[in-house]
Amino acid sequence: MNNLVVCTYCDVPRGMLEEYREQLHRAGIAAFHVETIKPFPHPSGLPVSFKFSWMREFALRFAGEFERLVFTDAYDVLFVGGSDIADRIPADVTWAAERNCYPEPELAEKITGETPWRYVNAGLMSGAPQAIIDWVDGAQRHPAYEPELLDQRWLNRRLADTPGMVKIDSGTANFYVVSSTLERGELQIRNGLPWNSLCNSTPSFFHFSGQCPTESFRELLAGRALELG
């Protein structure tokens, strides 16, 4: 069985998708599946029914062939790292974490955590295929399941009211959501790789959500900046 497949979906290739593909290829991650969907619904945000159905679809498609699956956004994600990422992905369904409680900032006081990355970012998710299937089944049976609710809204609500249901990468072990306003210098370079000095972690998938610019991150990678912030 192969270790890892990275999946995404889009209507047409654009944004950073081809750069992202090349980064994965250079890292030795050859299994990159892009699902073309036309027309692509909800360009400004996806409902849980759409997101969860594709989580299940990808998991069913690749179960038995791959041990781990990473499901990401297509246009605003970059990869920096090596093929060892496959050994670091946990079996449990794990979502990216971010510092911004979006789209319901009023939930922030109800969600606690040990790091500043304590809220869900729905643009990055990982797990074992069967764990993903089981998780989606459980989510769709949840009494507060609302098919047309924005995915990140629903996930943060469950993070607040259903302990244990939504697991996030609060230590940025694998996922890092770059903020255009909340970076405080924690992200630096160590041994040639991005390093979160606060969590002592070296994430590999970087999500520039909310049209976050990439210039500062690229300056960091090029050695022209000591930290991001």
C-alpha atoms as a PDB file:
ATOM      1  CA  MET A   1       0.000   0.000   0.000  1.00  0.00           C
ATOM      2  CA  ASN A   2       1.244   3.496  -0.812  1.00  0.00           C
ATOM      3  CA  ASN A   3       1.691   6.038   1.965  1.00  0.00           C
ATOM      4  CA  LEU A   4       0.054   9.267   0.876  1.00  0.00           C
ATOM      5  CA  VAL A   5      -2.256  10.837  -1.693  1.00  0.00           C
ATOM      6  CA  VAL A   6      -2.973  14.576  -1.798  1.00  0.00           C
ATOM      7  CA  CYS A   7      -6.390  15.540  -3.194  1.00  0.00           C
ATOM      8  CA  THR A   8      -8.012  18.783  -4.235  1.00  0.00           C
ATOM      9  CA  TYR A   9     -10.787  20.051  -6.497  1.00  0.00           C
ATOM     10  CA  CYS A  10     -11.323  23.050  -8.734  1.00  0.00           C
ATOM     11  CA  ASP A  11     -13.059  24.248 -11.885  1.00  0.00           C
ATOM     12  CA  VAL A  12      -9.979  25.319 -13.889  1.00  0.00           C
ATOM     13  CA  PRO A  13      -6.254  25.337 -13.005  1.00  0.00           C
ATOM     14  CA  ARG A  14      -5.330  28.784 -11.695  1.00  0.00           C
ATOM     15  CA  GLY A  15      -3.768  30.550  -8.742  1.00  0.00           C
ATOM     16  CA  MET A  16      -0.874  28.591  -7.238  1.00  0.00           C
ATOM     17  CA  LEU A  17      -2.147  25.157  -8.266  1.00  0.00           C
ATOM     18  CA  GLU A  18       0.623  24.319 -10.748  1.00  0.00           C
ATOM     19  CA  GLU A  19       3.336  25.605  -8.400  1.00  0.00           C
ATOM     20  CA  TYR A  20       1.816  23.468  -5.639  1.00  0.00           C
ATOM     21  CA  ARG A  21       1.799  20.418  -7.924  1.00  0.00           C
ATOM     22  CA  GLU A  22       5.469  20.950  -8.793  1.00  0.00           C
ATOM     23  CA  GLN A  23       6.426  21.341  -5.131  1.00  0.00           C
ATOM     24  CA  LEU A  24       4.763  18.038  -4.257  1.00  0.00           C
ATOM     25  CA  HIS A  25       6.461  16.340  -7.207  1.00  0.00           C
ATOM     26  CA  ARG A  26       9.910  17.630  -6.206  1.00  0.00           C
ATOM     27  CA  ALA A  27       9.302  16.342  -2.674  1.00  0.00           C
ATOM     28  CA  GLY A  28       8.640  12.854  -4.010  1.00  0.00           C
ATOM     29  CA  ILE A  29       4.866  12.965  -3.507  1.00  0.00           C
ATOM     30  CA  ALA A  30       3.716  11.764  -6.900  1.00  0.00           C
ATOM     31  CA  ALA A  31       0.131  10.980  -5.924  1.00  0.00           C
ATOM     32  CA  PHE A  32      -1.627  14.315  -6.439  1.00  0.00           C
ATOM     33  CA  HIS A  33      -5.234  14.071  -7.574  1.00  0.00           C
ATOM     34  CA  VAL A  34      -7.067  17.123  -8.918  1.00  0.00           C
ATOM     35  CA  GLU A  35     -10.812  16.679  -9.436  1.00  0.00           C
ATOM     36  CA  THR A  36     -12.262  19.064 -12.014  1.00  0.00           C
ATOM     37  CA  ILE A  37     -15.792  20.178 -11.169  1.00  0.00           C
ATOM     38  CA  LYS A  38     -17.748  22.456 -13.512  1.00  0.00           C
ATOM     39  CA  PRO A  39     -19.472  24.592 -12.537  1.00  0.00           C
ATOM     40  CA  PHE A  40     -17.760  24.825  -9.180  1.00  0.00           C
ATOM     41  CA  PRO A  41     -20.331  25.849  -6.547  1.00  0.00           C
ATOM     42  CA  HIS A  42     -20.004  28.552  -3.940  1.00  0.00           C
ATOM     43  CA  PRO A  43     -16.759  30.267  -4.991  1.00  0.00           C
ATOM     44  CA  SER A  44     -16.674  32.268  -1.757  1.00  0.00           C
ATOM     45  CA  GLY A  45     -17.200  29.301   0.547  1.00  0.00           C
ATOM     46  CA  LEU A  46     -18.413  25.718   0.513  1.00  0.00           C
ATOM     47  CA  PRO A  47     -21.364  24.205   2.385  1.00  0.00           C
ATOM     48  CA  VAL A  48     -20.711  21.178   4.553  1.00  0.00           C
ATOM     49  CA  SER A  49     -22.788  18.945   2.265  1.00  0.00           C
ATOM     50  CA  PHE A  50     -20.404  19.592  -0.634  1.00  0.00           C
ATOM     51  CA  LYS A  51     -17.188  19.405   1.380  1.00  0.00           C
ATOM     52  CA  PHE A  52     -18.160  16.281   3.296  1.00  0.00           C
ATOM     53  CA  SER A  53     -19.429  14.443   0.204  1.00  0.00           C
ATOM     54  CA  TRP A  54     -16.062  14.961  -1.487  1.00  0.00           C
ATOM     55  CA  MET A  55     -14.198  13.890   1.638  1.00  0.00           C
ATOM     56  CA  ARG A  56     -16.113  10.619   1.478  1.00  0.00           C
ATOM     57  CA  GLU A  57     -15.681  10.327  -2.307  1.00  0.00           C
ATOM     58  CA  PHE A  58     -11.912  10.720  -2.152  1.00  0.00           C
ATOM     59  CA  ALA A  59     -11.628   8.391   0.847  1.00  0.00           C
ATOM     60  CA  LEU A  60     -13.678   5.657  -0.846  1.00  0.00           C
ATOM     61  CA  ARG A  61     -11.742   6.070  -4.079  1.00  0.00           C
ATOM     62  CA  PHE A  62      -8.318   5.718  -2.462  1.00  0.00           C
ATOM     63  CA  ALA A  63      -9.067   3.331   0.416  1.00  0.00           C
ATOM     64  CA  GLY A  64      -6.975   0.184   0.054  1.00  0.00           C
ATOM     65  CA  GLU A  65      -4.427   1.989  -2.097  1.00  0.00           C
ATOM     66  CA  PHE A  66      -3.160   4.694   0.257  1.00  0.00           C
ATOM     67  CA  GLU A  67      -2.667   4.725   4.016  1.00  0.00           C
ATOM     68  CA  ARG A  68      -3.181   8.468   4.410  1.00  0.00           C
ATOM     69  CA  LEU A  69      -5.069  11.163   2.524  1.00  0.00           C
ATOM     70  CA  VAL A  70      -4.558  14.939   2.619  1.00  0.00           C
ATOM     71  CA  PHE A  71      -7.413  17.058   1.239  1.00  0.00           C
ATOM     72  CA  THR A  72      -6.584  20.699   0.522  1.00  0.00           C
ATOM     73  CA  ASP A  73      -7.798  23.794  -1.239  1.00  0.00           C
ATOM     74  CA  ALA A  74      -6.433  24.183  -4.751  1.00  0.00           C
ATOM     75  CA  TYR A  75      -5.465  27.773  -5.469  1.00  0.00           C
ATOM     76  CA  ASP A  76      -3.864  29.128  -2.307  1.00  0.00           C
ATOM     77  CA  VAL A  77      -1.763  26.286  -0.879  1.00  0.00           C
ATOM     78  CA  LEU A  78       2.000  25.714  -1.072  1.00  0.00           C
ATOM     79  CA  PHE A  79       4.100  22.744   0.042  1.00  0.00           C
ATOM     80  CA  VAL A  80       7.566  23.048   1.565  1.00  0.00           C
ATOM     81  CA  GLY A  81       9.146  19.847   2.855  1.00  0.00           C
ATOM     82  CA  GLY A  82       9.934  16.272   1.932  1.00  0.00           C
ATOM     83  CA  SER A  83       8.254  12.926   1.456  1.00  0.00           C
ATOM     84  CA  ASP A  84       8.626  12.217   5.193  1.00  0.00           C
ATOM     85  CA  ILE A  85       5.374  14.129   5.630  1.00  0.00           C
ATOM     86  CA  ALA A  86       3.622  10.844   4.809  1.00  0.00           C
ATOM     87  CA  ASP A  87       4.905   9.344   8.056  1.00  0.00           C
ATOM     88  CA  ARG A  88       3.773  12.339  10.096  1.00  0.00           C
ATOM     89  CA  ILE A  89       0.112  12.380   9.069  1.00  0.00           C
ATOM     90  CA  PRO A  90      -2.053  10.912  11.870  1.00  0.00           C
ATOM     91  CA  ALA A  91      -4.822   8.422  11.153  1.00  0.00           C
ATOM     92  CA  ASP A  92      -7.457  10.539  12.911  1.00  0.00           C
ATOM     93  CA  VAL A  93      -9.263  13.184  10.884  1.00  0.00           C
ATOM     94  CA  THR A  94      -7.341  16.379  11.559  1.00  0.00           C
ATOM     95  CA  TRP A  95      -8.134  19.875  10.318  1.00  0.00           C
ATOM     96  CA  ALA A  96      -5.802  22.833   9.985  1.00  0.00           C
ATOM     97  CA  ALA A  97      -5.869  25.397  12.763  1.00  0.00           C
ATOM     98  CA  GLU A  98      -5.713  29.158  12.459  1.00  0.00           C
ATOM     99  CA  ARG A  99      -5.587  32.180  14.764  1.00  0.00           C
ATOM    100  CA  ASN A 100      -8.653  33.883  13.343  1.00  0.00           C
ATOM    101  CA  CYS A 101     -12.093  32.705  14.459  1.00  0.00           C
ATOM    102  CA  TYR A 102     -13.860  33.016  11.123  1.00  0.00           C
ATOM    103  CA  PRO A 103     -16.657  33.541  10.215  1.00  0.00           C
ATOM    104  CA  GLU A 104     -18.166  33.833  13.713  1.00  0.00           C
ATOM    105  CA  PRO A 105     -15.703  35.726  15.938  1.00  0.00           C
ATOM    106  CA  GLU A 106     -18.196  35.570  18.786  1.00  0.00           C
ATOM    107  CA  LEU A 107     -17.347  31.870  19.147  1.00  0.00           C
ATOM    108  CA  ALA A 108     -13.764  32.722  20.106  1.00  0.00           C
ATOM    109  CA  GLU A 109     -14.503  32.963  23.830  1.00  0.00           C
ATOM    110  CA  LYS A 110     -16.066  29.491  23.767  1.00  0.00           C
ATOM    111  CA  ILE A 111     -13.028  27.803  22.191  1.00  0.00           C
ATOM    112  CA  THR A 112      -9.915  27.297  24.278  1.00  0.00           C
ATOM    113  CA  GLY A 113      -6.514  25.955  23.347  1.00  0.00           C
ATOM    114  CA  GLU A 114      -2.866  25.807  24.332  1.00  0.00           C
ATOM    115  CA  THR A 115      -1.579  27.731  21.296  1.00  0.00           C
ATOM    116  CA  PRO A 116      -2.783  30.740  19.301  1.00  0.00           C
ATOM    117  CA  TRP A 117      -3.839  28.298  16.553  1.00  0.00           C
ATOM    118  CA  ARG A 118      -7.099  27.209  18.135  1.00  0.00           C
ATOM    119  CA  TYR A 119      -9.797  27.707  15.492  1.00  0.00           C
ATOM    120  CA  VAL A 120     -10.628  25.539  12.496  1.00  0.00           C
ATOM    121  CA  ASN A 121      -9.418  26.263   9.002  1.00  0.00           C
ATOM    122  CA  ALA A 122     -11.351  24.078   6.569  1.00  0.00           C
ATOM    123  CA  GLY A 123      -8.845  24.426   3.736  1.00  0.00           C
ATOM    124  CA  LEU A 124      -6.584  21.589   4.914  1.00  0.00           C
ATOM    125  CA  MET A 125      -7.600  18.190   6.294  1.00  0.00           C
ATOM    126  CA  SER A 126      -5.958  14.781   6.667  1.00  0.00           C
ATOM    127  CA  GLY A 127      -6.588  11.270   7.907  1.00  0.00           C
ATOM    128  CA  ALA A 128      -6.731   7.595   7.054  1.00  0.00           C
ATOM    129  CA  PRO A 129      -9.380   6.881   4.383  1.00  0.00           C
ATOM    130  CA  GLN A 130     -11.558   4.735   6.654  1.00  0.00           C
ATOM    131  CA  ALA A 131     -11.301   7.276   9.464  1.00  0.00           C
ATOM    132  CA  ILE A 132     -12.490   9.970   7.045  1.00  0.00           C
ATOM    133  CA  ILE A 133     -15.463   7.858   5.960  1.00  0.00           C
ATOM    134  CA  ASP A 134     -16.428   7.156   9.568  1.00  0.00           C
ATOM    135  CA  TRP A 135     -15.985  10.816  10.535  1.00  0.00           C
ATOM    136  CA  VAL A 136     -18.241  12.045   7.723  1.00  0.00           C
ATOM    137  CA  ASP A 137     -20.896   9.492   8.658  1.00  0.00           C
ATOM    138  CA  GLY A 138     -20.814  10.756  12.244  1.00  0.00           C
ATOM    139  CA  ALA A 139     -20.922  14.395  11.188  1.00  0.00           C
ATOM    140  CA  GLN A 140     -23.967  13.835   8.999  1.00  0.00           C
ATOM    141  CA  ARG A 141     -25.747  12.164  11.921  1.00  0.00           C
ATOM    142  CA  HIS A 142     -24.972  15.043  14.265  1.00  0.00           C
ATOM    143  CA  PRO A 143     -28.199  16.699  15.506  1.00  0.00           C
ATOM    144  CA  ALA A 144     -26.872  20.120  14.431  1.00  0.00           C
ATOM    145  CA  TYR A 145     -25.956  19.023  10.908  1.00  0.00           C
ATOM    146  CA  GLU A 146     -27.033  21.740   8.461  1.00  0.00           C
ATOM    147  CA  PRO A 147     -26.136  20.786   4.870  1.00  0.00           C
ATOM    148  CA  GLU A 148     -26.010  24.333   3.503  1.00  0.00           C
ATOM    149  CA  LEU A 149     -24.019  25.879   6.338  1.00  0.00           C
ATOM    150  CA  LEU A 150     -20.525  27.129   5.476  1.00  0.00           C
ATOM    151  CA  ASP A 151     -18.075  24.330   6.254  1.00  0.00           C
ATOM    152  CA  GLN A 152     -15.809  26.380   8.505  1.00  0.00           C
ATOM    153  CA  ARG A 153     -18.781  27.864  10.384  1.00  0.00           C
ATOM    154  CA  TRP A 154     -20.120  24.377  11.124  1.00  0.00           C
ATOM    155  CA  LEU A 155     -16.727  23.019  12.157  1.00  0.00           C
ATOM    156  CA  ASN A 156     -15.976  25.857  14.571  1.00  0.00           C
ATOM    157  CA  ARG A 157     -19.410  25.470  16.131  1.00  0.00           C
ATOM    158  CA  ARG A 158     -18.678  21.797  16.749  1.00  0.00           C
ATOM    159  CA  LEU A 159     -15.261  22.659  18.122  1.00  0.00           C
ATOM    160  CA  ALA A 160     -17.111  24.826  20.628  1.00  0.00           C
ATOM    161  CA  ASP A 161     -20.015  22.545  21.541  1.00  0.00           C
ATOM    162  CA  THR A 162     -19.011  18.928  20.814  1.00  0.00           C
ATOM    163  CA  PRO A 163     -15.718  18.090  22.549  1.00  0.00           C
ATOM    164  CA  GLY A 164     -13.608  15.549  20.712  1.00  0.00           C
ATOM    165  CA  MET A 165     -15.466  15.697  17.420  1.00  0.00           C
ATOM    166  CA  VAL A 166     -13.263  18.174  15.564  1.00  0.00           C
ATOM    167  CA  LYS A 167      -9.529  17.626  15.961  1.00  0.00           C
ATOM    168  CA  ILE A 168      -7.260  20.460  14.825  1.00  0.00           C
ATOM    169  CA  ASP A 169      -3.529  20.721  14.222  1.00  0.00           C
ATOM    170  CA  SER A 170      -3.084  23.332  16.942  1.00  0.00           C
ATOM    171  CA  GLY A 171       0.638  22.704  17.133  1.00  0.00           C
ATOM    172  CA  THR A 172       1.047  23.215  13.365  1.00  0.00           C
ATOM    173  CA  ALA A 173       2.777  19.835  13.059  1.00  0.00           C
ATOM    174  CA  ASN A 174       1.788  19.512   9.392  1.00  0.00           C
ATOM    175  CA  PHE A 175      -0.498  22.428   8.514  1.00  0.00           C
ATOM    176  CA  TYR A 176       0.153  26.151   8.854  1.00  0.00           C
ATOM    177  CA  VAL A 177      -2.385  28.828   7.965  1.00  0.00           C
ATOM    178  CA  VAL A 178      -0.578  32.054   7.082  1.00  0.00           C
ATOM    179  CA  SER A 179      -2.319  35.222   8.256  1.00  0.00           C
ATOM    180  CA  SER A 180      -2.024  38.614   6.604  1.00  0.00           C
ATOM    181  CA  THR A 181      -2.511  40.382   9.954  1.00  0.00           C
ATOM    182  CA  LEU A 182      -1.745  38.002  12.849  1.00  0.00           C
ATOM    183  CA  GLU A 183       1.808  36.787  12.218  1.00  0.00           C
ATOM    184  CA  ARG A 184       4.033  37.593  15.214  1.00  0.00           C
ATOM    185  CA  GLY A 185       7.435  36.286  14.114  1.00  0.00           C
ATOM    186  CA  GLU A 186       6.981  32.682  15.240  1.00  0.00           C
ATOM    187  CA  LEU A 187       7.537  31.306  11.739  1.00  0.00           C
ATOM    188  CA  GLN A 188      11.248  31.234  10.978  1.00  0.00           C
ATOM    189  CA  ILE A 189      13.704  29.099   9.008  1.00  0.00           C
ATOM    190  CA  ARG A 190      15.683  26.302  10.630  1.00  0.00           C
ATOM    191  CA  ASN A 191      17.751  23.756   8.718  1.00  0.00           C
ATOM    192  CA  GLY A 192      16.391  25.183   5.501  1.00  0.00           C
ATOM    193  CA  LEU A 193      12.725  24.595   6.358  1.00  0.00           C
ATOM    194  CA  PRO A 194       9.935  26.735   7.815  1.00  0.00           C
ATOM    195  CA  TRP A 195       9.899  26.297  11.584  1.00  0.00           C
ATOM    196  CA  ASN A 196       7.264  27.420  14.052  1.00  0.00           C
ATOM    197  CA  SER A 197       9.478  28.518  16.934  1.00  0.00           C
ATOM    198  CA  LEU A 198       6.560  28.703  19.381  1.00  0.00           C
ATOM    199  CA  CYS A 199       5.431  25.120  18.805  1.00  0.00           C
ATOM    200  CA  ASN A 200       8.830  23.744  17.717  1.00  0.00           C
ATOM    201  CA  SER A 201       7.206  22.268  14.619  1.00  0.00           C
ATOM    202  CA  THR A 202       8.084  22.119  10.928  1.00  0.00           C
ATOM    203  CA  PRO A 203       4.790  22.211   9.003  1.00  0.00           C
ATOM    204  CA  SER A 204       4.788  21.413   5.295  1.00  0.00           C
ATOM    205  CA  PHE A 205       1.380  22.510   3.957  1.00  0.00           C
ATOM    206  CA  PHE A 206       0.870  26.295   3.981  1.00  0.00           C
ATOM    207  CA  HIS A 207      -2.569  27.791   3.370  1.00  0.00           C
ATOM    208  CA  PHE A 208      -2.796  31.451   2.387  1.00  0.00           C
ATOM    209  CA  SER A 209      -6.490  31.817   3.101  1.00  0.00           C
ATOM    210  CA  GLY A 210      -8.545  34.945   2.656  1.00  0.00           C
ATOM    211  CA  GLN A 211      -6.377  36.133  -0.249  1.00  0.00           C
ATOM    212  CA  CYS A 212      -3.391  36.397   2.060  1.00  0.00           C
ATOM    213  CA  PRO A 213      -0.345  37.564   0.060  1.00  0.00           C
ATOM    214  CA  THR A 214       2.628  35.212  -0.306  1.00  0.00           C
ATOM    215  CA  GLU A 215       5.442  37.736  -0.745  1.00  0.00           C
ATOM    216  CA  SER A 216       6.606  37.769   2.889  1.00  0.00           C
ATOM    217  CA  PHE A 217       6.596  33.977   3.017  1.00  0.00           C
ATOM    218  CA  ARG A 218       8.664  33.800  -0.164  1.00  0.00           C
ATOM    219  CA  GLU A 219      11.129  36.326   1.283  1.00  0.00           C
ATOM    220  CA  LEU A 220      11.477  34.074   4.327  1.00  0.00           C
ATOM    221  CA  LEU A 221      12.145  31.004   2.193  1.00  0.00           C
ATOM    222  CA  ALA A 222      14.722  32.911   0.142  1.00  0.00           C
ATOM    223  CA  GLY A 223      16.631  33.947   3.248  1.00  0.00           C
ATOM    224  CA  ARG A 224      15.838  37.616   2.828  1.00  0.00           C
ATOM    225  CA  ALA A 225      13.819  37.733   6.055  1.00  0.00           C
ATOM    226  CA  LEU A 226      14.478  36.204   9.490  1.00  0.00           C
ATOM    227  CA  GLU A 227      10.854  35.677  10.456  1.00  0.00           C
ATOM    228  CA  LEU A 228       7.303  36.071   9.246  1.00  0.00           C
ATOM    229  CA  GLY A 229       5.528  38.946  10.890  1.00  0.00           C
END
